[in-house]
């Protein structure tokens, strides 16, 4: 048994997440966590809400609520939606926690002691209309790199280039819309990332097998110099982690908070402390400190490509720069974007299908299957209602659902609701077992390699093997001439259902539980021995016929949903 630490990029608190957010980090992270648990490994799976910075302030102002109250309410909403989507976090934390506050201030102290923080007097955007300095995300304009007309002051969402507000063309305040902006002097703390460049480059060179998407982005920022420029870690805001050196005040930084990019990734560690303090675990340091046992932990992060620069450069600079024995990530699984019907999903602009809306119309497993089987690993992917209808009907209803329905109903009609006795597996059955054994080993290799789409394709192929066997063996016809052989065929098929429940659990947790319940078994052991697994349900074992697993999506439903979710959240 190995030990695996898994984190998903923590989502902003500003509203309900859309399906593009979900498939870009949390959902594939959950897939991997469930798979590893199913194989018997020890897993700690952490996520949290990212509650500081301008997105939280802007969303709270729009909602007409104090920012702390808004964040508390939205954490509850995101936590509930995550559970309803089957996201199996060991803990879902909050970056506004006391644990993260203390740990962020600790890192600032040790980084300063290491000579990696410098004080800078600089000019920043000031809005006369708003009477305040404008942090990066309070400013929007045209990206000088790609021409995107809604780039923010810290990064362009279109080309992912990191920016400063002064880089923007025709900038304006997102609070008032005013273009009456001027540069005024203020004082901030900077992390001396440039001093860490060689160390970060050496560290990246030691990471093995990272996806091309991850390494290409990391090396681009490293080689271009953009990603390891010294970067401000404080902001003129009221909401956030107060700037202190550990427990001590930081002279000259009164009234300022740490910039969200600095404190948010530290929450990965603090979240484990929250997990322990909530009574869910016994020792967080054995996961995060290499001097306390974390040296044998494999740490995997999941994120969208826009988060890669911070996680491959800036956060490692914080960890390595501290000089303390913190666990560093071993593997970063990054994803491209899932687009929506010819455009982009966008939380801030309300475009696309959001998690709560998705669950209003279909069960979570339906969404999980489609999103994971179309995960944007090697390139951007696109959600269309036509493709969604076609794939759900074909994969879930016609393949998996059809097999379960035909086998259980036929057995009930001819043998009763128990695994039939009589007959023995013949050459055709043995050939099926051999093919499935080979495919299960391939499925495991895909899952071990976190090749999400290929794993989904292999799982579907395993389902198809069972359907094709039934089509050829046709126990409903065999029964007329040879009931004994038909009994053996049905017995194998019922065992296939249990096997499918186990293999499908990472993708379809609710469906898996329904199948195991219908097969009247709690045996969810991973099929290390596939032939043995296909004899787990013995003759005489009782089962029940489950309700229809998946209803087909009709043309009328598809048309209705396409119109309802035309791209703007109401």
Protein backbone atom coordinates (compact mmCIF):
# COMPACT_ATOMS: atom_id res chain seq x y z
CA UNK A 1 0.00 0.00 0.00
CA UNK A 2 1.38 3.41 -1.01
CA UNK A 3 0.54 6.83 0.37
CA UNK A 4 -0.90 9.46 -1.98
CA UNK A 5 -1.54 13.14 -1.29
CA UNK A 6 -3.92 14.68 -3.87
CA UNK A 7 -4.96 18.31 -4.16
CA UNK A 8 -7.23 20.05 -6.61
CA UNK A 9 -6.74 23.69 -7.52
CA UNK A 10 -8.86 25.57 -5.03
CA UNK A 11 -11.82 27.34 -6.65
CA UNK A 12 -12.62 30.99 -6.16
CA UNK A 13 -15.43 31.68 -3.73
CA UNK A 14 -17.14 34.05 -6.18
CA UNK A 15 -20.15 32.02 -7.20
CA UNK A 16 -21.15 28.54 -8.27
CA UNK A 17 -18.64 26.80 -10.50
CA UNK A 18 -19.38 25.79 -14.09
CA UNK A 19 -18.69 22.45 -15.75
CA UNK A 20 -15.44 23.73 -17.23
CA UNK A 21 -14.13 24.47 -13.74
CA UNK A 22 -15.27 21.06 -12.56
CA UNK A 23 -13.52 19.01 -15.25
CA UNK A 24 -10.40 21.16 -15.09
CA UNK A 25 -9.36 20.07 -11.60
CA UNK A 26 -11.80 18.74 -9.00
CA UNK A 27 -13.46 15.97 -11.01
CA UNK A 28 -10.33 14.27 -12.41
CA UNK A 29 -8.71 14.63 -8.98
CA UNK A 30 -11.67 12.79 -7.48
CA UNK A 31 -11.43 10.11 -10.17
CA UNK A 32 -7.81 9.47 -9.26
CA UNK A 33 -8.46 9.53 -5.51
CA UNK A 34 -11.32 7.04 -5.81
CA UNK A 35 -9.24 4.76 -8.01
CA UNK A 36 -6.29 4.75 -5.61
CA UNK A 37 -8.54 4.05 -2.65
CA UNK A 38 -10.14 1.23 -4.63
CA UNK A 39 -6.68 -0.28 -5.14
CA UNK A 40 -6.12 -0.21 -1.38
CA UNK A 41 -3.77 2.78 -1.13
CA UNK A 42 -3.83 5.37 1.67
CA UNK A 43 -5.11 8.65 0.22
CA UNK A 44 -5.49 12.18 1.57
CA UNK A 45 -7.56 14.23 -0.88
CA UNK A 46 -7.80 17.95 -0.11
CA UNK A 47 -9.47 20.98 -1.59
CA UNK A 48 -10.78 24.31 -0.31
CA UNK A 49 -12.33 27.58 -1.34
CA UNK A 50 -10.08 30.49 -2.34
CA UNK A 51 -11.68 33.30 -0.34
CA UNK A 52 -9.36 36.28 -0.42
CA UNK A 53 -8.60 38.88 -3.03
CA UNK A 54 -10.73 40.98 -5.29
CA UNK A 55 -12.99 38.22 -6.68
CA UNK A 56 -14.44 37.72 -3.21
CA UNK A 57 -14.82 41.44 -2.56
CA UNK A 58 -16.45 42.10 -5.92
CA UNK A 59 -18.86 39.19 -5.58
CA UNK A 60 -19.80 40.18 -2.04
CA UNK A 61 -20.40 43.78 -3.10
CA UNK A 62 -22.59 42.59 -5.95
CA UNK A 63 -24.57 40.42 -3.53
CA UNK A 64 -24.88 43.32 -1.07
CA UNK A 65 -23.33 41.33 1.79
CA UNK A 66 -20.29 41.70 4.05
CA UNK A 67 -17.47 39.76 2.46
CA UNK A 68 -17.00 37.41 5.44
CA UNK A 69 -20.70 36.51 5.44
CA UNK A 70 -20.72 36.03 1.69
CA UNK A 71 -17.70 33.71 1.82
CA UNK A 72 -19.25 31.62 4.60
CA UNK A 73 -22.46 31.20 2.62
CA UNK A 74 -20.71 30.37 -0.64
CA UNK A 75 -18.40 27.87 1.03
CA UNK A 76 -21.51 26.02 2.21
CA UNK A 77 -22.96 26.12 -1.32
CA UNK A 78 -19.75 24.84 -2.93
CA UNK A 79 -19.30 22.16 -0.27
CA UNK A 80 -22.86 20.91 -0.82
CA UNK A 81 -22.53 20.88 -4.62
CA UNK A 82 -19.24 19.03 -4.37
CA UNK A 83 -20.86 16.33 -2.27
CA UNK A 84 -23.78 16.08 -4.68
CA UNK A 85 -21.31 15.58 -7.54
CA UNK A 86 -19.64 12.80 -5.60
CA UNK A 87 -16.40 14.67 -4.91
CA UNK A 88 -14.82 12.57 -2.17
CA UNK A 89 -12.63 15.16 -0.45
CA UNK A 90 -11.23 14.06 2.89
CA UNK A 91 -11.58 17.71 3.80
CA UNK A 92 -12.95 20.75 1.97
CA UNK A 93 -11.38 23.72 3.67
CA UNK A 94 -11.29 27.52 3.52
CA UNK A 95 -8.35 29.77 2.76
CA UNK A 96 -9.78 32.26 5.29
CA UNK A 97 -9.19 29.74 8.10
CA UNK A 98 -7.10 30.59 11.14
CA UNK A 99 -4.80 27.73 10.17
CA UNK A 100 -4.04 29.33 6.81
CA UNK A 101 -3.66 32.77 8.35
CA UNK A 102 -1.02 31.53 10.79
CA UNK A 103 0.83 29.44 8.21
CA UNK A 104 0.90 32.26 5.62
CA UNK A 105 2.35 34.65 8.20
CA UNK A 106 4.87 31.97 9.18
CA UNK A 107 6.06 31.57 5.58
CA UNK A 108 6.39 35.34 5.22
CA UNK A 109 8.56 35.43 8.35
CA UNK A 110 10.95 32.65 7.30
CA UNK A 111 11.19 33.97 3.73
CA UNK A 112 12.08 37.40 5.08
CA UNK A 113 14.69 35.85 7.38
CA UNK A 114 16.15 34.08 4.33
CA UNK A 115 16.53 37.41 2.55
CA UNK A 116 13.88 36.59 -0.05
CA UNK A 117 11.48 39.44 0.66
CA UNK A 118 12.20 43.04 -0.22
CA UNK A 119 10.24 46.22 0.39
CA UNK A 120 9.39 48.23 -2.70
CA UNK A 121 8.00 51.73 -3.09
CA UNK A 122 6.06 51.73 -6.31
CA UNK A 123 3.29 53.40 -8.16
CA UNK A 124 -0.02 51.61 -8.52
CA UNK A 125 -3.32 52.41 -10.14
CA UNK A 126 -5.51 54.72 -8.10
CA UNK A 127 -9.11 55.42 -9.02
CA UNK A 128 -10.25 58.93 -8.20
CA UNK A 129 -13.87 57.95 -8.66
CA UNK A 130 -13.55 55.06 -6.19
CA UNK A 131 -11.17 56.84 -3.81
CA UNK A 132 -8.83 53.85 -3.50
CA UNK A 133 -5.95 51.92 -4.94
CA UNK A 134 -7.16 49.30 -7.35
CA UNK A 135 -5.73 45.80 -6.92
CA UNK A 136 -5.08 43.91 -10.12
CA UNK A 137 -8.49 42.30 -10.47
CA UNK A 138 -10.28 45.60 -9.98
CA UNK A 139 -8.82 46.67 -13.32
CA UNK A 140 -9.71 45.38 -16.75
CA UNK A 141 -8.56 46.35 -20.21
CA UNK A 142 -7.21 44.99 -23.48
CA UNK A 143 -4.37 42.46 -23.31
CA UNK A 144 -1.23 43.81 -25.02
CA UNK A 145 -0.21 40.27 -25.91
CA UNK A 146 -3.30 38.79 -27.61
CA UNK A 147 -5.80 41.65 -27.85
CA UNK A 148 -8.40 40.05 -25.55
CA UNK A 149 -10.63 42.95 -24.50
CA UNK A 150 -11.45 41.72 -20.97
CA UNK A 151 -8.00 40.96 -19.59
CA UNK A 152 -7.53 41.56 -15.89
CA UNK A 153 -4.70 43.40 -14.21
CA UNK A 154 -2.90 40.26 -13.07
CA UNK A 155 -3.41 37.82 -15.95
CA UNK A 156 -5.12 37.46 -19.29
CA UNK A 157 -7.68 34.63 -19.14
CA UNK A 158 -7.37 34.17 -22.89
CA UNK A 159 -3.62 33.69 -23.41
CA UNK A 160 -2.66 33.14 -19.70
CA UNK A 161 0.07 35.82 -19.83
CA UNK A 162 0.81 37.28 -16.41
CA UNK A 163 0.32 41.03 -16.48
CA UNK A 164 0.60 44.18 -14.41
CA UNK A 165 -2.23 46.73 -14.57
CA UNK A 166 0.00 49.25 -16.31
CA UNK A 167 0.40 46.78 -19.19
CA UNK A 168 -3.30 46.93 -20.09
CA UNK A 169 -4.56 49.00 -22.98
CA UNK A 170 -7.47 51.33 -22.10
CA UNK A 171 -7.80 50.15 -18.48
CA UNK A 172 -10.90 50.85 -16.40
CA UNK A 173 -12.11 50.25 -12.85
CA UNK A 174 -14.34 47.20 -12.46
CA UNK A 175 -15.99 48.89 -9.45
CA UNK A 176 -17.22 52.08 -11.07
CA UNK A 177 -16.24 51.63 -14.69
CA UNK A 178 -14.22 54.82 -14.47
CA UNK A 179 -11.24 55.34 -16.75
CA UNK A 180 -10.03 58.24 -14.58
CA UNK A 181 -7.09 56.32 -13.21
CA UNK A 182 -3.67 57.54 -12.20
CA UNK A 183 -0.50 56.10 -10.77
CA UNK A 184 0.18 56.91 -7.10
CA UNK A 185 2.98 55.80 -4.83
CA UNK A 186 2.47 53.02 -2.28
CA UNK A 187 4.72 50.53 -0.51
CA UNK A 188 4.60 46.73 -0.82
CA UNK A 189 6.52 43.53 -0.14
CA UNK A 190 7.96 41.51 -3.02
CA UNK A 191 9.05 37.88 -3.06
CA UNK A 192 12.47 37.71 -4.68
CA UNK A 193 11.58 34.93 -7.10
CA UNK A 194 14.40 35.95 -9.44
CA UNK A 195 16.91 34.81 -6.80
CA UNK A 196 15.32 31.37 -6.93
CA UNK A 197 15.48 30.86 -10.69
CA UNK A 198 18.33 28.35 -10.79
CA UNK A 199 16.93 26.37 -7.87
CA UNK A 200 13.45 26.24 -9.42
CA UNK A 201 14.92 25.18 -12.79
CA UNK A 202 16.87 22.39 -11.12
CA UNK A 203 13.76 21.28 -9.23
CA UNK A 204 11.64 21.18 -12.40
CA UNK A 205 14.33 19.09 -14.10
CA UNK A 206 13.90 16.46 -11.37
CA UNK A 207 10.14 16.08 -11.95
CA UNK A 208 9.59 12.95 -14.02
CA UNK A 209 6.84 12.24 -16.50
CA UNK A 210 4.98 15.52 -16.22
CA UNK A 211 2.40 16.13 -18.98
CA UNK A 212 3.73 18.09 -21.92
CA UNK A 213 1.17 20.82 -21.19
CA UNK A 214 2.59 21.30 -17.68
CA UNK A 215 6.27 21.28 -18.60
CA UNK A 216 5.85 23.47 -21.68
CA UNK A 217 4.10 26.19 -19.67
CA UNK A 218 6.60 25.95 -16.79
CA UNK A 219 9.65 26.14 -19.05
CA UNK A 220 8.16 28.95 -21.11
CA UNK A 221 7.76 31.15 -18.04
CA UNK A 222 11.13 30.09 -16.69
CA UNK A 223 13.06 30.67 -19.92
CA UNK A 224 11.24 33.86 -20.84
CA UNK A 225 11.83 35.22 -17.38
CA UNK A 226 8.21 36.29 -16.92
CA UNK A 227 7.37 33.67 -14.33
CA UNK A 228 10.27 34.36 -11.98
CA UNK A 229 10.34 38.09 -11.82
CA UNK A 230 10.12 39.42 -8.30
CA UNK A 231 6.42 39.63 -7.56
CA UNK A 232 4.38 41.58 -5.04
CA UNK A 233 2.90 39.57 -2.18
CA UNK A 234 0.89 42.35 -0.49
CA UNK A 235 -2.08 44.47 -1.49
CA UNK A 236 -4.01 47.52 -0.27
CA UNK A 237 -7.16 45.64 0.72
CA UNK A 238 -9.23 45.15 3.84
CA UNK A 239 -10.09 41.46 3.25
CA UNK A 240 -7.29 38.95 3.52
CA UNK A 241 -4.48 37.68 5.73
CA UNK A 242 -3.00 40.65 7.63
CA UNK A 243 0.66 41.30 6.84
CA UNK A 244 2.73 40.13 9.81
CA UNK A 245 6.04 38.40 10.48
CA UNK A 246 4.64 35.38 12.19
CA UNK A 247 2.98 36.81 15.32
CA UNK A 248 4.82 40.12 15.12
CA UNK A 249 3.72 43.30 13.30
CA UNK A 250 5.48 44.20 10.06
CA UNK A 251 6.54 47.86 10.33
CA UNK A 252 5.26 49.98 7.48
CA UNK A 253 2.77 47.34 6.33
CA UNK A 254 -0.08 48.28 8.64
CA UNK A 255 -3.51 47.90 7.04
CA UNK A 256 -2.25 45.74 4.20
CA UNK A 257 -2.98 42.08 3.48
CA UNK A 258 -1.07 39.35 1.70
CA UNK A 259 -1.85 39.04 -1.99
CA UNK A 260 -4.17 36.13 -2.68
CA UNK A 261 -1.72 34.33 -4.96
CA UNK A 262 0.65 34.05 -1.99
CA UNK A 263 -1.78 32.75 0.64
CA UNK A 264 -4.06 30.59 -1.54
CA UNK A 265 -1.62 27.72 -2.33
CA UNK A 266 -0.45 27.68 1.29
CA UNK A 267 -4.02 26.61 2.05
CA UNK A 268 -3.19 23.19 0.59
CA UNK A 269 -1.04 22.63 3.67
CA UNK A 270 -3.32 24.47 6.08
CA UNK A 271 -6.25 22.40 4.81
CA UNK A 272 -4.58 19.31 6.24
CA UNK A 273 -4.33 21.08 9.60
CA UNK A 274 -8.04 21.91 9.33
CA UNK A 275 -8.70 18.21 8.58
CA UNK A 276 -7.01 17.21 11.83
CA UNK A 277 -8.61 20.00 13.86
CA UNK A 278 -12.02 18.90 12.56
CA UNK A 279 -11.40 15.48 14.08
CA UNK A 280 -11.07 13.69 10.75
CA UNK A 281 -7.39 12.80 10.91
CA UNK A 282 -4.64 12.26 13.40
CA UNK A 283 -1.45 13.76 12.01
CA UNK A 284 -1.22 16.27 9.18
CA UNK A 285 2.57 16.60 9.33
CA UNK A 286 3.14 13.02 8.15
CA UNK A 287 1.62 14.19 4.83
CA UNK A 288 3.37 17.52 4.50
CA UNK A 289 6.73 17.49 6.28
CA UNK A 290 9.49 15.25 5.00
CA UNK A 291 11.08 15.19 8.47
CA UNK A 292 7.82 13.77 9.86
CA UNK A 293 7.20 10.94 7.40
CA UNK A 294 6.08 12.70 4.20
CA UNK A 295 9.15 11.51 2.34
CA UNK A 296 7.33 8.38 1.18
CA UNK A 297 4.22 10.30 0.03
CA UNK A 298 3.49 10.77 -3.67
CA UNK A 299 1.94 14.22 -4.10
CA UNK A 300 -0.21 14.89 -7.19
CA UNK A 301 -1.84 18.23 -8.03
CA UNK A 302 -4.70 18.76 -10.51
CA UNK A 303 -5.36 22.11 -12.18
CA UNK A 304 -6.31 24.02 -15.30
CA UNK A 305 -3.53 25.33 -17.49
CA UNK A 306 -4.04 28.90 -16.26
CA UNK A 307 -2.89 27.80 -12.79
CA UNK A 308 0.30 26.09 -13.96
CA UNK A 309 2.69 29.09 -13.72
CA UNK A 310 1.86 29.69 -10.06
CA UNK A 311 2.11 26.01 -9.14
CA UNK A 312 5.33 25.25 -11.01
CA UNK A 313 7.16 28.49 -10.21
CA UNK A 314 5.73 30.77 -7.54
CA UNK A 315 4.46 28.28 -4.96
CA UNK A 316 7.62 26.13 -5.22
CA UNK A 317 9.63 29.33 -4.73
CA UNK A 318 7.75 29.87 -1.48
CA UNK A 319 8.28 26.29 -0.31
CA UNK A 320 11.92 25.97 -1.37
CA UNK A 321 12.73 29.49 -0.25
CA UNK A 322 11.53 28.74 3.27
CA UNK A 323 14.37 26.26 3.70
CA UNK A 324 12.02 24.06 5.70
CA UNK A 325 11.30 20.37 4.99
CA UNK A 326 7.93 20.75 3.29
CA UNK A 327 6.67 18.18 0.79
CA UNK A 328 6.88 19.39 -2.81
CA UNK A 329 4.61 18.19 -5.58
CA UNK A 330 5.73 15.12 -7.53
CA UNK A 331 3.29 15.31 -10.44
CA UNK A 332 1.11 18.08 -11.82
CA UNK A 333 -1.79 16.98 -14.00
CA UNK A 334 -2.92 20.01 -15.96
CA UNK A 335 -5.86 20.45 -18.30
CA UNK A 336 -6.78 22.64 -21.22
CA UNK A 337 -10.14 24.39 -21.37
CA UNK A 338 -13.57 22.90 -21.89
CA UNK A 339 -15.51 25.36 -24.03
CA UNK A 340 -19.26 25.69 -24.32
CA UNK A 341 -21.11 25.63 -27.61
CA UNK A 342 -18.68 27.75 -29.59
CA UNK A 343 -17.62 30.03 -26.72
CA UNK A 344 -15.98 29.92 -23.32
CA UNK A 345 -17.41 28.96 -19.95
CA UNK A 346 -17.02 31.93 -17.61
CA UNK A 347 -18.03 32.33 -13.98
CA UNK A 348 -17.62 36.10 -13.98
CA UNK A 349 -19.61 36.48 -17.19
CA UNK A 350 -22.21 33.84 -16.36
CA UNK A 351 -21.70 31.79 -19.52
CA UNK A 352 -22.39 28.05 -19.65
CA UNK A 353 -23.95 25.30 -17.52
CA UNK A 354 -23.20 25.56 -13.82
CA UNK A 355 -23.02 22.77 -11.27
CA UNK A 356 -26.35 23.48 -9.61
CA UNK A 357 -28.15 23.74 -12.94
CA UNK A 358 -26.61 20.51 -14.19
CA UNK A 359 -27.94 18.60 -11.19
CA UNK A 360 -31.42 20.02 -11.68
CA UNK A 361 -31.82 18.11 -14.93
CA UNK A 362 -29.69 14.95 -14.68
CA UNK A 363 -27.93 12.81 -12.03
CA UNK A 364 -24.31 13.57 -11.24
CA UNK A 365 -22.99 10.30 -12.74
CA UNK A 366 -24.26 11.28 -16.18
CA UNK A 367 -22.27 14.51 -16.02
CA UNK A 368 -19.23 12.81 -14.48
CA UNK A 369 -19.09 10.28 -17.30
CA UNK A 370 -19.39 12.75 -20.14
CA UNK A 371 -16.99 15.30 -18.66
CA UNK A 372 -14.30 12.76 -17.77
CA UNK A 373 -14.58 10.86 -21.05
CA UNK A 374 -14.07 14.21 -22.84
CA UNK A 375 -11.51 15.67 -20.44
CA UNK A 376 -9.44 18.37 -22.24
CA UNK A 377 -6.06 16.75 -21.70
CA UNK A 378 -4.17 17.28 -24.96
CA UNK A 379 -6.17 20.19 -26.36
CA UNK A 380 -9.21 22.30 -25.62
CA UNK A 381 -12.50 20.38 -25.79
CA UNK A 382 -16.03 21.56 -26.41
CA UNK A 383 -19.35 20.75 -24.85
CA UNK A 384 -22.27 20.60 -27.27
CA UNK A 385 -25.73 19.32 -26.44
CA UNK A 386 -25.74 17.10 -29.52
CA UNK A 387 -22.54 15.32 -28.52
CA UNK A 388 -23.71 15.09 -24.92
CA UNK A 389 -27.01 13.45 -25.91
CA UNK A 390 -25.36 11.05 -28.32
CA UNK A 391 -22.62 9.90 -25.95
CA UNK A 392 -24.81 9.55 -22.86
CA UNK A 393 -27.39 7.52 -24.77
CA UNK A 394 -24.78 5.33 -26.43
CA UNK A 395 -22.32 4.75 -23.59
CA UNK A 396 -24.51 4.73 -20.50
CA UNK A 397 -27.98 3.72 -21.68
CA UNK A 398 -27.20 1.41 -24.65
CA UNK A 399 -24.05 -0.25 -23.33
CA UNK A 400 -23.86 -0.36 -19.52
CA UNK A 401 -27.53 0.15 -18.70
CA UNK A 402 -28.74 -2.22 -21.39
CA UNK A 403 -26.50 -5.07 -20.22
CA UNK A 404 -27.66 -4.79 -16.63
CA UNK A 405 -31.32 -4.61 -17.59
CA UNK A 406 -31.26 -7.53 -20.04
CA UNK A 407 -29.32 -9.88 -17.77
CA UNK A 408 -31.20 -9.27 -14.54
CA UNK A 409 -34.65 -9.31 -16.10
CA UNK A 410 -33.95 -12.44 -18.14
CA UNK A 411 -32.56 -14.25 -15.10
CA UNK A 412 -35.59 -13.30 -13.03
CA UNK A 413 -37.95 -14.59 -15.71
CA UNK A 414 -36.21 -17.95 -16.22
CA UNK A 415 -34.25 -18.73 -13.05
CA UNK A 416 -35.67 -16.39 -10.40
CA UNK A 417 -33.83 -13.65 -8.53
CA UNK A 418 -30.73 -15.65 -7.68
CA UNK A 419 -27.56 -16.64 -9.48
CA UNK A 420 -28.45 -19.83 -11.40
CA UNK A 421 -26.64 -23.10 -10.83
CA UNK A 422 -25.77 -25.72 -13.44
CA UNK A 423 -23.54 -25.59 -16.47
CA UNK A 424 -19.87 -24.71 -16.67
CA UNK A 425 -17.94 -21.95 -18.41
CA UNK A 426 -16.95 -23.10 -21.88
CA UNK A 427 -14.37 -21.87 -24.42
CA UNK A 428 -16.43 -18.81 -25.30
CA UNK A 429 -16.72 -17.79 -21.65
CA UNK A 430 -13.01 -18.39 -21.04
CA UNK A 431 -12.13 -16.29 -24.09
CA UNK A 432 -14.27 -13.44 -22.69
CA UNK A 433 -12.56 -13.74 -19.30
CA UNK A 434 -9.15 -13.59 -21.00
CA UNK A 435 -10.09 -10.50 -23.02
CA UNK A 436 -11.48 -8.72 -19.98
CA UNK A 437 -8.41 -9.62 -17.93
CA UNK A 438 -6.21 -7.99 -20.55
CA UNK A 439 -8.44 -4.92 -20.71
CA UNK A 440 -8.55 -4.55 -16.91
CA UNK A 441 -4.75 -4.48 -16.81
CA UNK A 442 -4.77 -1.83 -19.55
CA UNK A 443 -7.43 0.14 -17.67
CA UNK A 444 -5.25 0.06 -14.56
CA UNK A 445 -2.25 1.30 -16.54
CA UNK A 446 -4.29 4.20 -17.93
CA UNK A 447 -5.56 5.12 -14.48
CA UNK A 448 -2.11 4.82 -12.91
CA UNK A 449 -0.84 7.19 -15.60
CA UNK A 450 -3.80 9.57 -15.04
CA UNK A 451 -4.73 9.29 -18.72
CA UNK A 452 -8.34 10.19 -18.11
CA UNK A 453 -9.85 9.92 -21.58
CA UNK A 454 -7.97 6.74 -22.41
CA UNK A 455 -9.07 5.21 -19.11
CA UNK A 456 -12.69 6.08 -19.90
CA UNK A 457 -12.36 4.55 -23.35
CA UNK A 458 -10.92 1.35 -21.88
CA UNK A 459 -13.69 1.12 -19.29
CA UNK A 460 -16.28 1.50 -22.01
CA UNK A 461 -14.51 -1.21 -24.00
CA UNK A 462 -14.83 -3.52 -20.99
CA UNK A 463 -18.58 -2.82 -20.91
CA UNK A 464 -18.77 -3.50 -24.65
CA UNK A 465 -17.05 -6.86 -24.24
CA UNK A 466 -19.92 -7.99 -22.04
CA UNK A 467 -22.56 -6.75 -24.47
CA UNK A 468 -20.93 -8.41 -27.45
CA UNK A 469 -20.64 -11.67 -25.53
CA UNK A 470 -24.35 -11.56 -24.67
CA UNK A 471 -25.27 -10.76 -28.24
CA UNK A 472 -23.32 -13.77 -29.48
CA UNK A 473 -24.12 -16.21 -26.65
CA UNK A 474 -27.82 -15.16 -26.61
CA UNK A 475 -28.84 -17.04 -23.43
CA UNK A 476 -32.49 -16.23 -24.18
CA UNK A 477 -32.15 -18.42 -27.26
CA UNK A 478 -29.82 -20.99 -25.69
CA UNK A 479 -32.32 -21.53 -22.87
CA UNK A 480 -34.83 -23.09 -25.21
CA UNK A 481 -32.48 -25.96 -26.13
CA UNK A 482 -29.89 -26.03 -23.34
CA UNK A 483 -30.97 -24.48 -20.01
CA UNK A 484 -27.74 -25.61 -18.30
CA UNK A 485 -25.53 -23.68 -20.70
CA UNK A 486 -27.84 -20.68 -20.48
CA UNK A 487 -27.49 -20.81 -16.70
CA UNK A 488 -23.69 -20.64 -16.98
CA UNK A 489 -23.94 -17.74 -19.41
CA UNK A 490 -26.24 -15.80 -17.09
CA UNK A 491 -24.08 -16.59 -14.06
CA UNK A 492 -21.07 -15.10 -15.82
CA UNK A 493 -23.08 -12.06 -16.89
CA UNK A 494 -24.30 -11.41 -13.34
CA UNK A 495 -20.70 -11.58 -12.14
CA UNK A 496 -19.81 -9.13 -14.90
CA UNK A 497 -22.28 -6.67 -13.35
CA UNK A 498 -20.49 -6.86 -10.01
CA UNK A 499 -17.13 -6.48 -11.76
CA UNK A 500 -18.42 -3.47 -13.70
CA UNK A 501 -19.65 -1.90 -10.45
CA UNK A 502 -16.13 -2.10 -8.98
CA UNK A 503 -14.29 -0.92 -12.09
CA UNK A 504 -16.75 1.90 -12.76
CA UNK A 505 -16.77 3.30 -9.22
CA UNK A 506 -14.16 6.02 -9.87
CA UNK A 507 -16.21 7.35 -12.79
CA UNK A 508 -19.74 6.47 -11.64
CA UNK A 509 -19.81 6.21 -7.83
CA UNK A 510 -23.59 6.39 -7.41
CA UNK A 511 -24.25 3.88 -10.19
CA UNK A 512 -21.60 1.58 -8.74
CA UNK A 513 -23.34 1.66 -5.36
CA UNK A 514 -26.69 0.91 -6.99
CA UNK A 515 -25.25 -2.08 -8.85
CA UNK A 516 -23.60 -3.53 -5.76
CA UNK A 517 -26.86 -3.10 -3.85
CA UNK A 518 -28.81 -4.80 -6.65
CA UNK A 519 -26.31 -7.66 -6.67
CA UNK A 520 -26.78 -7.88 -2.90
CA UNK A 521 -23.07 -7.65 -2.14
CA UNK A 522 -20.67 -5.36 -0.33
CA UNK A 523 -17.71 -7.01 -2.02
CA UNK A 524 -16.05 -4.10 -3.81
CA UNK A 525 -12.57 -5.64 -3.83
CA UNK A 526 -10.46 -4.61 -6.79
CA UNK A 527 -10.14 -7.46 -9.37
CA UNK A 528 -6.43 -8.23 -9.06
CA UNK A 529 -7.56 -11.75 -10.02
CA UNK A 530 -10.11 -11.17 -12.79
CA UNK A 531 -11.07 -14.85 -13.29
CA UNK A 532 -11.64 -15.15 -9.55
CA UNK A 533 -13.65 -11.91 -9.49
CA UNK A 534 -15.94 -13.32 -12.18
CA UNK A 535 -16.89 -16.16 -9.86
CA UNK A 536 -17.50 -14.01 -6.77
CA UNK A 537 -21.30 -14.40 -6.93
CA UNK A 538 -21.94 -18.11 -6.40
CA UNK A 539 -24.95 -20.13 -7.48
CA UNK A 540 -27.90 -19.42 -5.23
CA UNK A 541 -26.77 -15.86 -4.39
CA UNK A 542 -29.85 -13.60 -4.31
CA UNK A 543 -30.10 -10.34 -6.22
CA UNK A 544 -32.73 -7.81 -7.21
CA UNK A 545 -33.50 -6.25 -10.57
CA UNK A 546 -32.52 -2.57 -10.37
CA UNK A 547 -34.59 0.23 -11.78
CA UNK A 548 -33.48 1.52 -15.17
CA UNK A 549 -29.96 2.90 -14.62
CA UNK A 550 -29.99 5.59 -17.28
CA UNK A 551 -32.91 7.17 -19.10
CA UNK A 552 -32.15 8.17 -22.65
CA UNK A 553 -32.04 11.88 -23.43
CA UNK A 554 -34.79 12.69 -25.90
CA UNK A 555 -34.54 15.14 -28.77
CA UNK A 556 -37.12 17.34 -27.07
CA UNK A 557 -35.10 17.43 -23.85
CA UNK A 558 -31.94 18.24 -25.74
CA UNK A 559 -33.63 21.09 -27.60
CA UNK A 560 -35.15 22.43 -24.39
CA UNK A 561 -31.83 22.39 -22.54
CA UNK A 562 -29.97 23.94 -25.46
CA UNK A 563 -32.42 26.83 -25.41
CA UNK A 564 -32.45 27.10 -21.61
CA UNK A 565 -28.67 27.18 -21.33
CA UNK A 566 -27.97 29.26 -24.39
CA UNK A 567 -24.86 30.64 -22.80
CA UNK A 568 -25.98 33.05 -20.12
CA UNK A 569 -26.81 32.14 -16.56
CA UNK A 570 -30.08 33.73 -15.50
